[in-house]
Amino acid sequence: MTTAPAPRIDAGLSMPATHRAPGAVEIIELPQRLDAASAPARRELIGAQVARGRTCLVFDLSAVDFSDSSRLSVLVTGLNTARAAGGDSALLRLSPVMQRMIELTRLHQSLVIFDDVDAAALGAPPA
């Protein structure tokens, strides 16, 4: 028996979101670039997902090749919003740029990091 992949939301908002559903895990694909002008829309998307009961958020950062405080603010907002609603957040497939940024800011101490989308979808601890 195979597990259905997790629901996915394109936080780049340039393409329609695609959903796949095992439970309440919501995978949010963050765009390659994210800046101060586009960050509020991403935070609004996160709030909307949590309001719909999707309180387990996984941020897919595989496409990210640049990061600044705007992206970090979106991640921290996601973490705080999900936890306030009784859920949690995790990161998925960190690019080398994001790996360095997450370690420099010590967010890796607050967020679980997954390399595998199926493990993230199930909320299983990373190997």
PDB file of N, CA and C in Angstrom:
ATOM      1  N   MET A   1       0.848  -1.180   0.000  1.00  0.00           N
ATOM      2  CA  MET A   1       0.000   0.000   0.000  1.00  0.00           C
ATOM      3  C   MET A   1       0.887   1.235   0.000  1.00  0.00           C
ATOM      4  N   THR A   2       0.625   2.147  -0.877  1.00  0.00           N
ATOM      5  CA  THR A   2       1.419   3.375  -0.938  1.00  0.00           C
ATOM      6  C   THR A   2       0.652   4.506  -0.279  1.00  0.00           C
ATOM      7  N   THR A   3       1.417   5.438   0.248  1.00  0.00           N
ATOM      8  CA  THR A   3       0.824   6.601   0.900  1.00  0.00           C
ATOM      9  C   THR A   3       0.687   7.719  -0.114  1.00  0.00           C
ATOM     10  N   ALA A   4      -0.446   8.371  -0.089  1.00  0.00           N
ATOM     11  CA  ALA A   4      -0.640   9.507  -0.997  1.00  0.00           C
ATOM     12  C   ALA A   4       0.309  10.622  -0.597  1.00  0.00           C
ATOM     13  N   PRO A   5       0.888  11.318  -1.563  1.00  0.00           N
ATOM     14  CA  PRO A   5       1.758  12.453  -1.225  1.00  0.00           C
ATOM     15  C   PRO A   5       0.979  13.539  -0.500  1.00  0.00           C
ATOM     16  N   ALA A   6       1.722  14.396   0.175  1.00  0.00           N
ATOM     17  CA  ALA A   6       1.110  15.464   0.975  1.00  0.00           C
ATOM     18  C   ALA A   6       0.453  16.507   0.088  1.00  0.00           C
ATOM     19  N   PRO A   7      -0.502  17.239   0.666  1.00  0.00           N
ATOM     20  CA  PRO A   7      -1.064  18.362  -0.063  1.00  0.00           C
ATOM     21  C   PRO A   7       0.023  19.397  -0.317  1.00  0.00           C
ATOM     22  N   ARG A   8      -0.051  20.084  -1.423  1.00  0.00           N
ATOM     23  CA  ARG A   8       0.973  21.065  -1.763  1.00  0.00           C
ATOM     24  C   ARG A   8       0.315  22.395  -2.098  1.00  0.00           C
ATOM     25  N   ILE A   9       0.948  23.444  -1.661  1.00  0.00           N
ATOM     26  CA  ILE A   9       0.484  24.794  -1.965  1.00  0.00           C
ATOM     27  C   ILE A   9       1.663  25.524  -2.588  1.00  0.00           C
ATOM     28  N   ASP A  10       1.448  26.171  -3.709  1.00  0.00           N
ATOM     29  CA  ASP A  10       2.500  26.973  -4.327  1.00  0.00           C
ATOM     30  C   ASP A  10       2.453  28.362  -3.734  1.00  0.00           C
ATOM     31  N   ALA A  11       3.381  28.657  -2.826  1.00  0.00           N
ATOM     32  CA  ALA A  11       3.398  29.966  -2.186  1.00  0.00           C
ATOM     33  C   ALA A  11       3.990  31.021  -3.104  1.00  0.00           C
ATOM     34  N   GLY A  12       4.436  30.605  -4.283  1.00  0.00           N
ATOM     35  CA  GLY A  12       4.877  31.583  -5.260  1.00  0.00           C
ATOM     36  C   GLY A  12       3.672  32.275  -5.882  1.00  0.00           C
ATOM     37  N   LEU A  13       2.525  31.646  -5.748  1.00  0.00           N
ATOM     38  CA  LEU A  13       1.256  32.166  -6.218  1.00  0.00           C
ATOM     39  C   LEU A  13       1.217  32.395  -7.717  1.00  0.00           C
ATOM     40  N   SER A  14       2.243  31.954  -8.426  1.00  0.00           N
ATOM     41  CA  SER A  14       2.261  32.127  -9.871  1.00  0.00           C
ATOM     42  C   SER A  14       1.572  30.971 -10.571  1.00  0.00           C
ATOM     43  N   MET A  15       1.459  29.842  -9.887  1.00  0.00           N
ATOM     44  CA  MET A  15       0.816  28.673 -10.448  1.00  0.00           C
ATOM     45  C   MET A  15      -0.263  28.228  -9.474  1.00  0.00           C
ATOM     46  N   PRO A  16      -1.291  27.548  -9.947  1.00  0.00           N
ATOM     47  CA  PRO A  16      -2.310  27.084  -9.028  1.00  0.00           C
ATOM     48  C   PRO A  16      -1.738  26.066  -8.051  1.00  0.00           C
ATOM     49  N   ALA A  17      -2.293  26.041  -6.858  1.00  0.00           N
ATOM     50  CA  ALA A  17      -1.861  25.085  -5.853  1.00  0.00           C
ATOM     51  C   ALA A  17      -2.337  23.697  -6.245  1.00  0.00           C
ATOM     52  N   THR A  18      -1.527  22.705  -5.927  1.00  0.00           N
ATOM     53  CA  THR A  18      -1.954  21.329  -6.109  1.00  0.00           C
ATOM     54  C   THR A  18      -2.017  20.687  -4.741  1.00  0.00           C
ATOM     55  N   HIS A  19      -3.047  19.902  -4.511  1.00  0.00           N
ATOM     56  CA  HIS A  19      -3.261  19.292  -3.206  1.00  0.00           C
ATOM     57  C   HIS A  19      -3.155  17.785  -3.323  1.00  0.00           C
ATOM     58  N   ARG A  20      -2.450  17.200  -2.367  1.00  0.00           N
ATOM     59  CA  ARG A  20      -2.430  15.752  -2.194  1.00  0.00           C
ATOM     60  C   ARG A  20      -2.601  15.526  -0.707  1.00  0.00           C
ATOM     61  N   ALA A  21      -3.362  14.533  -0.313  1.00  0.00           N
ATOM     62  CA  ALA A  21      -3.819  14.517   1.069  1.00  0.00           C
ATOM     63  C   ALA A  21      -3.604  13.266   1.888  1.00  0.00           C
ATOM     64  N   PRO A  22      -2.612  13.236   2.756  1.00  0.00           N
ATOM     65  CA  PRO A  22      -2.677  12.291   3.863  1.00  0.00           C
ATOM     66  C   PRO A  22      -2.762  13.105   5.150  1.00  0.00           C
ATOM     67  N   GLY A  23      -3.873  13.178   5.754  1.00  0.00           N
ATOM     68  CA  GLY A  23      -3.994  13.902   7.021  1.00  0.00           C
ATOM     69  C   GLY A  23      -3.959  15.401   6.847  1.00  0.00           C
ATOM     70  N   ALA A  24      -3.442  16.067   7.860  1.00  0.00           N
ATOM     71  CA  ALA A  24      -3.500  17.523   7.889  1.00  0.00           C
ATOM     72  C   ALA A  24      -2.182  18.189   7.524  1.00  0.00           C
ATOM     73  N   VAL A  25      -1.242  17.466   6.935  1.00  0.00           N
ATOM     74  CA  VAL A  25       0.042  18.072   6.560  1.00  0.00           C
ATOM     75  C   VAL A  25      -0.137  18.877   5.282  1.00  0.00           C
ATOM     76  N   GLU A  26       0.355  20.103   5.318  1.00  0.00           N
ATOM     77  CA  GLU A  26       0.264  21.006   4.163  1.00  0.00           C
ATOM     78  C   GLU A  26       1.689  21.342   3.730  1.00  0.00           C
ATOM     79  N   ILE A  27       2.055  20.950   2.521  1.00  0.00           N
ATOM     80  CA  ILE A  27       3.379  21.293   2.010  1.00  0.00           C
ATOM     81  C   ILE A  27       3.246  22.568   1.190  1.00  0.00           C
ATOM     82  N   ILE A  28       4.025  23.577   1.572  1.00  0.00           N
ATOM     83  CA  ILE A  28       3.985  24.878   0.923  1.00  0.00           C
ATOM     84  C   ILE A  28       5.313  25.087   0.213  1.00  0.00           C
ATOM     85  N   GLU A  29       5.268  25.144  -1.101  1.00  0.00           N
ATOM     86  CA  GLU A  29       6.475  25.349  -1.896  1.00  0.00           C
ATOM     87  C   GLU A  29       6.769  26.845  -1.967  1.00  0.00           C
ATOM     88  N   LEU A  30       7.866  27.252  -1.383  1.00  0.00           N
ATOM     89  CA  LEU A  30       8.235  28.661  -1.453  1.00  0.00           C
ATOM     90  C   LEU A  30       8.985  28.918  -2.750  1.00  0.00           C
ATOM     91  N   PRO A  31       8.768  30.083  -3.343  1.00  0.00           N
ATOM     92  CA  PRO A  31       9.363  30.382  -4.653  1.00  0.00           C
ATOM     93  C   PRO A  31      10.862  30.605  -4.567  1.00  0.00           C
ATOM     94  N   GLN A  32      11.484  30.574  -5.737  1.00  0.00           N
ATOM     95  CA  GLN A  32      12.925  30.784  -5.841  1.00  0.00           C
ATOM     96  C   GLN A  32      13.321  32.110  -5.210  1.00  0.00           C
ATOM     97  N   ARG A  33      12.563  33.142  -5.463  1.00  0.00           N
ATOM     98  CA  ARG A  33      12.830  34.474  -4.905  1.00  0.00           C
ATOM     99  C   ARG A  33      11.625  34.924  -4.079  1.00  0.00           C
ATOM    100  N   LEU A  34      11.910  35.569  -2.985  1.00  0.00           N
ATOM    101  CA  LEU A  34      10.869  36.119  -2.132  1.00  0.00           C
ATOM    102  C   LEU A  34      11.428  37.393  -1.532  1.00  0.00           C
ATOM    103  N   ASP A  35      10.683  38.489  -1.660  1.00  0.00           N
ATOM    104  CA  ASP A  35      11.193  39.764  -1.162  1.00  0.00           C
ATOM    105  C   ASP A  35      10.145  40.442  -0.290  1.00  0.00           C
ATOM    106  N   ALA A  36      10.480  41.630   0.186  1.00  0.00           N
ATOM    107  CA  ALA A  36       9.593  42.356   1.090  1.00  0.00           C
ATOM    108  C   ALA A  36       8.238  42.649   0.451  1.00  0.00           C
ATOM    109  N   ALA A  37       8.200  42.818  -0.850  1.00  0.00           N
ATOM    110  CA  ALA A  37       6.935  43.117  -1.530  1.00  0.00           C
ATOM    111  C   ALA A  37       6.020  41.897  -1.602  1.00  0.00           C
ATOM    112  N   SER A  38       6.579  40.710  -1.732  1.00  0.00           N
ATOM    113  CA  SER A  38       5.762  39.511  -1.886  1.00  0.00           C
ATOM    114  C   SER A  38       5.557  38.734  -0.580  1.00  0.00           C
ATOM    115  N   ALA A  39       6.334  39.029   0.442  1.00  0.00           N
ATOM    116  CA  ALA A  39       6.223  38.296   1.706  1.00  0.00           C
ATOM    117  C   ALA A  39       4.846  38.407   2.361  1.00  0.00           C
ATOM    118  N   PRO A  40       4.198  39.577   2.369  1.00  0.00           N
ATOM    119  CA  PRO A  40       2.878  39.646   3.008  1.00  0.00           C
ATOM    120  C   PRO A  40       1.858  38.673   2.403  1.00  0.00           C
ATOM    121  N   ALA A  41       1.896  38.474   1.105  1.00  0.00           N
ATOM    122  CA  ALA A  41       0.976  37.528   0.461  1.00  0.00           C
ATOM    123  C   ALA A  41       1.256  36.105   0.930  1.00  0.00           C
ATOM    124  N   ARG A  42       2.523  35.759   1.139  1.00  0.00           N
ATOM    125  CA  ARG A  42       2.871  34.421   1.620  1.00  0.00           C
ATOM    126  C   ARG A  42       2.387  34.239   3.051  1.00  0.00           C
ATOM    127  N   ARG A  43       2.552  35.276   3.888  1.00  0.00           N
ATOM    128  CA  ARG A  43       2.075  35.188   5.270  1.00  0.00           C
ATOM    129  C   ARG A  43       0.546  35.051   5.296  1.00  0.00           C
ATOM    130  N   GLU A  44      -0.137  35.751   4.401  1.00  0.00           N
ATOM    131  CA  GLU A  44      -1.593  35.643   4.305  1.00  0.00           C
ATOM    132  C   GLU A  44      -2.010  34.231   3.896  1.00  0.00           C
ATOM    133  N   LEU A  45      -1.295  33.638   2.955  1.00  0.00           N
ATOM    134  CA  LEU A  45      -1.559  32.267   2.529  1.00  0.00           C
ATOM    135  C   LEU A  45      -1.411  31.304   3.695  1.00  0.00           C
ATOM    136  N   ILE A  46      -0.369  31.486   4.472  1.00  0.00           N
ATOM    137  CA  ILE A  46      -0.133  30.625   5.634  1.00  0.00           C
ATOM    138  C   ILE A  46      -1.290  30.768   6.621  1.00  0.00           C
ATOM    139  N   GLY A  47      -1.677  32.003   6.909  1.00  0.00           N
ATOM    140  CA  GLY A  47      -2.792  32.233   7.825  1.00  0.00           C
ATOM    141  C   GLY A  47      -4.078  31.592   7.341  1.00  0.00           C
ATOM    142  N   ALA A  48      -4.319  31.652   6.046  1.00  0.00           N
ATOM    143  CA  ALA A  48      -5.523  31.050   5.476  1.00  0.00           C
ATOM    144  C   ALA A  48      -5.501  29.532   5.621  1.00  0.00           C
ATOM    145  N   GLN A  49      -4.344  28.921   5.402  1.00  0.00           N
ATOM    146  CA  GLN A  49      -4.242  27.465   5.543  1.00  0.00           C
ATOM    147  C   GLN A  49      -4.505  27.045   6.985  1.00  0.00           C
ATOM    148  N   VAL A  50      -3.910  27.756   7.921  1.00  0.00           N
ATOM    149  CA  VAL A  50      -4.096  27.429   9.335  1.00  0.00           C
ATOM    150  C   VAL A  50      -5.562  27.648   9.730  1.00  0.00           C
ATOM    151  N   ALA A  51      -6.183  28.708   9.238  1.00  0.00           N
ATOM    152  CA  ALA A  51      -7.597  28.968   9.529  1.00  0.00           C
ATOM    153  C   ALA A  51      -8.492  27.844   9.022  1.00  0.00           C
ATOM    154  N   ARG A  52      -8.059  27.152   7.958  1.00  0.00           N
ATOM    155  CA  ARG A  52      -8.814  26.005   7.415  1.00  0.00           C
ATOM    156  C   ARG A  52      -8.488  24.714   8.153  1.00  0.00           C
ATOM    157  N   GLY A  53      -7.681  24.823   9.214  1.00  0.00           N
ATOM    158  CA  GLY A  53      -7.366  23.630   9.993  1.00  0.00           C
ATOM    159  C   GLY A  53      -6.102  22.919   9.555  1.00  0.00           C
ATOM    160  N   ARG A  54      -5.399  23.469   8.591  1.00  0.00           N
ATOM    161  CA  ARG A  54      -4.147  22.868   8.116  1.00  0.00           C
ATOM    162  C   ARG A  54      -3.008  23.402   8.983  1.00  0.00           C
ATOM    163  N   THR A  55      -2.845  22.839  10.180  1.00  0.00           N
ATOM    164  CA  THR A  55      -1.913  23.383  11.161  1.00  0.00           C
ATOM    165  C   THR A  55      -0.548  22.708  11.162  1.00  0.00           C
ATOM    166  N   CYS A  56      -0.370  21.691  10.359  1.00  0.00           N
ATOM    167  CA  CYS A  56       0.941  21.048  10.213  1.00  0.00           C
ATOM    168  C   CYS A  56       1.518  21.498   8.873  1.00  0.00           C
ATOM    169  N   LEU A  57       2.427  22.468   8.926  1.00  0.00           N
ATOM    170  CA  LEU A  57       2.967  23.090   7.723  1.00  0.00           C
ATOM    171  C   LEU A  57       4.387  22.602   7.470  1.00  0.00           C
ATOM    172  N   VAL A  58       4.659  22.258   6.217  1.00  0.00           N
ATOM    173  CA  VAL A  58       6.003  21.886   5.794  1.00  0.00           C
ATOM    174  C   VAL A  58       6.374  22.811   4.641  1.00  0.00           C
ATOM    175  N   PHE A  59       7.457  23.559   4.817  1.00  0.00           N
ATOM    176  CA  PHE A  59       7.903  24.505   3.799  1.00  0.00           C
ATOM    177  C   PHE A  59       8.970  23.858   2.932  1.00  0.00           C
ATOM    178  N   ASP A  60       8.655  23.667   1.649  1.00  0.00           N
ATOM    179  CA  ASP A  60       9.588  23.093   0.683  1.00  0.00           C
ATOM    180  C   ASP A  60      10.471  24.224   0.155  1.00  0.00           C
ATOM    181  N   LEU A  61      11.762  24.141   0.437  1.00  0.00           N
ATOM    182  CA  LEU A  61      12.705  25.200   0.072  1.00  0.00           C
ATOM    183  C   LEU A  61      13.670  24.755  -1.020  1.00  0.00           C
ATOM    184  N   SER A  62      13.323  23.714  -1.755  1.00  0.00           N
ATOM    185  CA  SER A  62      14.233  23.162  -2.755  1.00  0.00           C
ATOM    186  C   SER A  62      14.535  24.123  -3.894  1.00  0.00           C
ATOM    187  N   ALA A  63      13.631  25.040  -4.204  1.00  0.00           N
ATOM    188  CA  ALA A  63      13.849  25.967  -5.321  1.00  0.00           C
ATOM    189  C   ALA A  63      14.569  27.244  -4.909  1.00  0.00           C
ATOM    190  N   VAL A  64      14.771  27.425  -3.632  1.00  0.00           N
ATOM    191  CA  VAL A  64      15.307  28.689  -3.120  1.00  0.00           C
ATOM    192  C   VAL A  64      16.800  28.816  -3.417  1.00  0.00           C
ATOM    193  N   ASP A  65      17.162  29.919  -4.077  1.00  0.00           N
ATOM    194  CA  ASP A  65      18.588  30.166  -4.330  1.00  0.00           C
ATOM    195  C   ASP A  65      19.038  31.500  -3.747  1.00  0.00           C
ATOM    196  N   PHE A  66      18.131  32.146  -3.020  1.00  0.00           N
ATOM    197  CA  PHE A  66      18.445  33.433  -2.397  1.00  0.00           C
ATOM    198  C   PHE A  66      17.574  33.565  -1.159  1.00  0.00           C
ATOM    199  N   SER A  67      18.128  34.118  -0.105  1.00  0.00           N
ATOM    200  CA  SER A  67      17.324  34.329   1.088  1.00  0.00           C
ATOM    201  C   SER A  67      17.739  35.606   1.789  1.00  0.00           C
ATOM    202  N   ASP A  68      16.746  36.273   2.320  1.00  0.00           N
ATOM    203  CA  ASP A  68      16.996  37.447   3.148  1.00  0.00           C
ATOM    204  C   ASP A  68      15.995  37.420   4.292  1.00  0.00           C
ATOM    205  N   SER A  69      15.878  38.514   4.989  1.00  0.00           N
ATOM    206  CA  SER A  69      14.995  38.549   6.152  1.00  0.00           C
ATOM    207  C   SER A  69      13.529  38.345   5.780  1.00  0.00           C
ATOM    208  N   SER A  70      13.142  38.649   4.555  1.00  0.00           N
ATOM    209  CA  SER A  70      11.751  38.453   4.135  1.00  0.00           C
ATOM    210  C   SER A  70      11.376  36.981   4.170  1.00  0.00           C
ATOM    211  N   ARG A  71      12.227  36.138   3.643  1.00  0.00           N
ATOM    212  CA  ARG A  71      11.947  34.698   3.634  1.00  0.00           C
ATOM    213  C   ARG A  71      11.952  34.164   5.060  1.00  0.00           C
ATOM    214  N   LEU A  72      12.920  34.610   5.845  1.00  0.00           N
ATOM    215  CA  LEU A  72      12.974  34.155   7.231  1.00  0.00           C
ATOM    216  C   LEU A  72      11.726  34.578   7.996  1.00  0.00           C
ATOM    217  N   SER A  73      11.229  35.777   7.717  1.00  0.00           N
ATOM    218  CA  SER A  73      10.017  36.231   8.412  1.00  0.00           C
ATOM    219  C   SER A  73       8.820  35.366   8.042  1.00  0.00           C
ATOM    220  N   VAL A  74       8.752  34.910   6.812  1.00  0.00           N
ATOM    221  CA  VAL A  74       7.669  34.020   6.390  1.00  0.00           C
ATOM    222  C   VAL A  74       7.774  32.690   7.138  1.00  0.00           C
ATOM    223  N   LEU A  75       8.982  32.149   7.250  1.00  0.00           N
ATOM    224  CA  LEU A  75       9.171  30.876   7.956  1.00  0.00           C
ATOM    225  C   LEU A  75       8.815  31.008   9.436  1.00  0.00           C
ATOM    226  N   VAL A  76       9.264  32.077  10.065  1.00  0.00           N
ATOM    227  CA  VAL A  76       8.969  32.279  11.488  1.00  0.00           C
ATOM    228  C   VAL A  76       7.479  32.519  11.692  1.00  0.00           C
ATOM    229  N   THR A  77       6.850  33.272  10.796  1.00  0.00           N
ATOM    230  CA  THR A  77       5.408  33.471  10.870  1.00  0.00           C
ATOM    231  C   THR A  77       4.679  32.135  10.770  1.00  0.00           C
ATOM    232  N   GLY A  78       5.114  31.293   9.841  1.00  0.00           N
ATOM    233  CA  GLY A  78       4.505  29.971   9.691  1.00  0.00           C
ATOM    234  C   GLY A  78       4.647  29.143  10.951  1.00  0.00           C
ATOM    235  N   LEU A  79       5.834  29.152  11.528  1.00  0.00           N
ATOM    236  CA  LEU A  79       6.086  28.405  12.757  1.00  0.00           C
ATOM    237  C   LEU A  79       5.177  28.909  13.880  1.00  0.00           C
ATOM    238  N   ASN A  80       5.162  30.206  14.095  1.00  0.00           N
ATOM    239  CA  ASN A  80       4.366  30.779  15.184  1.00  0.00           C
ATOM    240  C   ASN A  80       2.871  30.595  14.973  1.00  0.00           C
ATOM    241  N   THR A  81       2.407  30.786  13.741  1.00  0.00           N
ATOM    242  CA  THR A  81       0.981  30.647  13.438  1.00  0.00           C
ATOM    243  C   THR A  81       0.517  29.208  13.642  1.00  0.00           C
ATOM    244  N   ALA A  82       1.293  28.267  13.135  1.00  0.00           N
ATOM    245  CA  ALA A  82       0.931  26.853  13.280  1.00  0.00           C
ATOM    246  C   ALA A  82       0.936  26.437  14.749  1.00  0.00           C
ATOM    247  N   ARG A  83       1.963  26.824  15.474  1.00  0.00           N
ATOM    248  CA  ARG A  83       2.037  26.434  16.889  1.00  0.00           C
ATOM    249  C   ARG A  83       0.929  27.081  17.714  1.00  0.00           C
ATOM    250  N   ALA A  84       0.570  28.312  17.407  1.00  0.00           N
ATOM    251  CA  ALA A  84      -0.512  28.982  18.126  1.00  0.00           C
ATOM    252  C   ALA A  84      -1.845  28.253  17.935  1.00  0.00           C
ATOM    253  N   ALA A  85      -1.970  27.552  16.801  1.00  0.00           N
ATOM    254  CA  ALA A  85      -3.194  26.802  16.502  1.00  0.00           C
ATOM    255  C   ALA A  85      -3.083  25.336  16.922  1.00  0.00           C
ATOM    256  N   GLY A  86      -2.029  24.995  17.657  1.00  0.00           N
ATOM    257  CA  GLY A  86      -1.862  23.620  18.120  1.00  0.00           C
ATOM    258  C   GLY A  86      -1.132  22.726  17.149  1.00  0.00           C
ATOM    259  N   GLY A  87      -0.549  23.290  16.101  1.00  0.00           N
ATOM    260  CA  GLY A  87       0.180  22.501  15.109  1.00  0.00           C
ATOM    261  C   GLY A  87       1.672  22.743  15.197  1.00  0.00           C
ATOM    262  N   ASP A  88       2.344  22.590  14.062  1.00  0.00           N
ATOM    263  CA  ASP A  88       3.784  22.802  14.021  1.00  0.00           C
ATOM    264  C   ASP A  88       4.214  23.019  12.577  1.00  0.00           C
ATOM    265  N   SER A  89       5.480  23.370  12.413  1.00  0.00           N
ATOM    266  CA  SER A  89       6.061  23.585  11.091  1.00  0.00           C
ATOM    267  C   SER A  89       7.342  22.795  10.959  1.00  0.00           C
ATOM    268  N   ALA A  90       7.704  22.503   9.713  1.00  0.00           N
ATOM    269  CA  ALA A  90       8.955  21.825   9.406  1.00  0.00           C
ATOM    270  C   ALA A  90       9.466  22.360   8.073  1.00  0.00           C
ATOM    271  N   LEU A  91      10.696  22.030   7.770  1.00  0.00           N
ATOM    272  CA  LEU A  91      11.314  22.426   6.504  1.00  0.00           C
ATOM    273  C   LEU A  91      11.596  21.186   5.682  1.00  0.00           C
ATOM    274  N   LEU A  92      11.576  21.354   4.369  1.00  0.00           N
ATOM    275  CA  LEU A  92      11.780  20.238   3.448  1.00  0.00           C
ATOM    276  C   LEU A  92      12.780  20.632   2.382  1.00  0.00           C
ATOM    277  N   ARG A  93      13.700  19.742   2.104  1.00  0.00           N
ATOM    278  CA  ARG A  93      14.664  19.852   0.995  1.00  0.00           C
ATOM    279  C   ARG A  93      15.327  21.227   0.935  1.00  0.00           C
ATOM    280  N   LEU A  94      16.134  21.499   1.943  1.00  0.00           N
ATOM    281  CA  LEU A  94      16.846  22.776   1.982  1.00  0.00           C
ATOM    282  C   LEU A  94      17.889  22.860   0.881  1.00  0.00           C
ATOM    283  N   SER A  95      17.894  23.968   0.180  1.00  0.00           N
ATOM    284  CA  SER A  95      18.976  24.244  -0.766  1.00  0.00           C
ATOM    285  C   SER A  95      20.205  24.605   0.067  1.00  0.00           C
ATOM    286  N   PRO A  96      21.397  24.544  -0.516  1.00  0.00           N
ATOM    287  CA  PRO A  96      22.597  24.921   0.247  1.00  0.00           C
ATOM    288  C   PRO A  96      22.512  26.342   0.820  1.00  0.00           C
ATOM    289  N   VAL A  97      21.934  27.259   0.059  1.00  0.00           N
ATOM    290  CA  VAL A  97      21.771  28.636   0.537  1.00  0.00           C
ATOM    291  C   VAL A  97      20.909  28.654   1.795  1.00  0.00           C
ATOM    292  N   MET A  98      19.791  27.955   1.760  1.00  0.00           N
ATOM    293  CA  MET A  98      18.889  27.951   2.911  1.00  0.00           C
ATOM    294  C   MET A  98      19.480  27.172   4.075  1.00  0.00           C
ATOM    295  N   GLN A  99      20.218  26.121   3.805  1.00  0.00           N
ATOM    296  CA  GLN A  99      20.858  25.364   4.888  1.00  0.00           C
ATOM    297  C   GLN A  99      21.768  26.288   5.700  1.00  0.00           C
ATOM    298  N   ARG A 100      22.573  27.084   4.990  1.00  0.00           N
ATOM    299  CA  ARG A 100      23.468  28.026   5.684  1.00  0.00           C
ATOM    300  C   ARG A 100      22.669  29.060   6.471  1.00  0.00           C
ATOM    301  N   MET A 101      21.629  29.609   5.874  1.00  0.00           N
ATOM    302  CA  MET A 101      20.832  30.637   6.536  1.00  0.00           C
ATOM    303  C   MET A 101      20.127  30.072   7.772  1.00  0.00           C
ATOM    304  N   ILE A 102      19.582  28.888   7.658  1.00  0.00           N
ATOM    305  CA  ILE A 102      18.878  28.261   8.780  1.00  0.00           C
ATOM    306  C   ILE A 102      19.848  27.988   9.926  1.00  0.00           C
ATOM    307  N   GLU A 103      21.046  27.538   9.598  1.00  0.00           N
ATOM    308  CA  GLU A 103      22.035  27.283  10.642  1.00  0.00           C
ATOM    309  C   GLU A 103      22.533  28.578  11.277  1.00  0.00           C
ATOM    310  N   LEU A 104      22.780  29.613  10.459  1.00  0.00           N
ATOM    311  CA  LEU A 104      23.242  30.898  11.001  1.00  0.00           C
ATOM    312  C   LEU A 104      22.229  31.513  11.960  1.00  0.00           C
ATOM    313  N   THR A 105      20.964  31.367  11.644  1.00  0.00           N
ATOM    314  CA  THR A 105      19.911  31.951  12.482  1.00  0.00           C
ATOM    315  C   THR A 105      19.447  30.992  13.581  1.00  0.00           C
ATOM    316  N   ARG A 106      19.985  29.792  13.576  1.00  0.00           N
ATOM    317  CA  ARG A 106      19.666  28.752  14.566  1.00  0.00           C
ATOM    318  C   ARG A 106      18.213  28.274  14.494  1.00  0.00           C
ATOM    319  N   LEU A 107      17.564  28.496  13.366  1.00  0.00           N
ATOM    320  CA  LEU A 107      16.199  27.997  13.211  1.00  0.00           C
ATOM    321  C   LEU A 107      16.153  26.471  13.193  1.00  0.00           C
ATOM    322  N   HIS A 108      17.275  25.843  12.864  1.00  0.00           N
ATOM    323  CA  HIS A 108      17.304  24.373  12.867  1.00  0.00           C
ATOM    324  C   HIS A 108      17.059  23.813  14.270  1.00  0.00           C
ATOM    325  N   GLN A 109      17.197  24.657  15.287  1.00  0.00           N
ATOM    326  CA  GLN A 109      16.922  24.218  16.657  1.00  0.00           C
ATOM    327  C   GLN A 109      15.425  24.258  16.974  1.00  0.00           C
ATOM    328  N   SER A 110      14.651  24.950  16.155  1.00  0.00           N
ATOM    329  CA  SER A 110      13.206  25.078  16.376  1.00  0.00           C
ATOM    330  C   SER A 110      12.365  24.334  15.353  1.00  0.00           C
ATOM    331  N   LEU A 111      12.956  23.965  14.230  1.00  0.00           N
ATOM    332  CA  LEU A 111      12.217  23.330  13.141  1.00  0.00           C
ATOM    333  C   LEU A 111      12.831  21.988  12.780  1.00  0.00           C
ATOM    334  N   VAL A 112      11.987  21.000  12.519  1.00  0.00           N
ATOM    335  CA  VAL A 112      12.447  19.716  11.990  1.00  0.00           C
ATOM    336  C   VAL A 112      12.747  19.923  10.515  1.00  0.00           C
ATOM    337  N   ILE A 113      13.812  19.294  10.032  1.00  0.00           N
ATOM    338  CA  ILE A 113      14.205  19.418   8.623  1.00  0.00           C
ATOM    339  C   ILE A 113      14.141  18.040   7.976  1.00  0.00           C
ATOM    340  N   PHE A 114      13.394  17.950   6.877  1.00  0.00           N
ATOM    341  CA  PHE A 114      13.238  16.702   6.132  1.00  0.00           C
ATOM    342  C   PHE A 114      13.940  16.809   4.780  1.00  0.00           C
ATOM    343  N   ASP A 115      14.494  15.698   4.327  1.00  0.00           N
ATOM    344  CA  ASP A 115      15.028  15.603   2.971  1.00  0.00           C
ATOM    345  C   ASP A 115      14.059  14.884   2.054  1.00  0.00           C
ATOM    346  N   ASP A 116      13.118  14.168   2.636  1.00  0.00           N
ATOM    347  CA  ASP A 116      12.221  13.296   1.892  1.00  0.00           C
ATOM    348  C   ASP A 116      10.772  13.773   2.033  1.00  0.00           C
ATOM    349  N   VAL A 117      10.108  14.011   0.903  1.00  0.00           N
ATOM    350  CA  VAL A 117       8.742  14.528   0.914  1.00  0.00           C
ATOM    351  C   VAL A 117       7.770  13.555   1.547  1.00  0.00           C
ATOM    352  N   ASP A 118       7.961  12.257   1.361  1.00  0.00           N
ATOM    353  CA  ASP A 118       7.039  11.281   1.945  1.00  0.00           C
ATOM    354  C   ASP A 118       7.135  11.261   3.467  1.00  0.00           C
ATOM    355  N   ALA A 119       8.357  11.343   3.996  1.00  0.00           N
ATOM    356  CA  ALA A 119       8.523  11.404   5.450  1.00  0.00           C
ATOM    357  C   ALA A 119       7.906  12.688   5.997  1.00  0.00           C
ATOM    358  N   ALA A 120       8.105  13.788   5.294  1.00  0.00           N
ATOM    359  CA  ALA A 120       7.530  15.061   5.726  1.00  0.00           C
ATOM    360  C   ALA A 120       6.006  14.993   5.714  1.00  0.00           C
ATOM    361  N   ALA A 121       5.446  14.338   4.706  1.00  0.00           N
ATOM    362  CA  ALA A 121       3.990  14.231   4.585  1.00  0.00           C
ATOM    363  C   ALA A 121       3.398  13.447   5.737  1.00  0.00           C
ATOM    364  N   LEU A 122       4.146  12.487   6.214  1.00  0.00           N
ATOM    365  CA  LEU A 122       3.657  11.667   7.333  1.00  0.00           C
ATOM    366  C   LEU A 122       4.034  12.269   8.683  1.00  0.00           C
ATOM    367  N   GLY A 123       4.908  13.279   8.663  1.00  0.00           N
ATOM    368  CA  GLY A 123       5.358  13.859   9.911  1.00  0.00           C
ATOM    369  C   GLY A 123       6.335  12.965  10.646  1.00  0.00           C
ATOM    370  N   ALA A 124       6.909  12.007   9.924  1.00  0.00           N
ATOM    371  CA  ALA A 124       7.867  11.081  10.535  1.00  0.00           C
ATOM    372  C   ALA A 124       9.167  11.814  10.835  1.00  0.00           C
ATOM    373  N   PRO A 125       9.838  11.463  11.919  1.00  0.00           N
ATOM    374  CA  PRO A 125      11.123  12.095  12.207  1.00  0.00           C
ATOM    375  C   PRO A 125      12.118  11.796  11.101  1.00  0.00           C
ATOM    376  N   PRO A 126      12.944  12.775  10.730  1.00  0.00           N
ATOM    377  CA  PRO A 126      13.931  12.523   9.691  1.00  0.00           C
ATOM    378  C   PRO A 126      14.976  11.524  10.166  1.00  0.00           C
ATOM    379  N   ALA A 127      15.537  10.790   9.219  1.00  0.00           N
ATOM    380  CA  ALA A 127      16.550   9.770   9.566  1.00  0.00           C
ATOM    381  C   ALA A 127      17.840  10.434   9.982  1.00  0.00           C
TER     382      ALA A 127
END
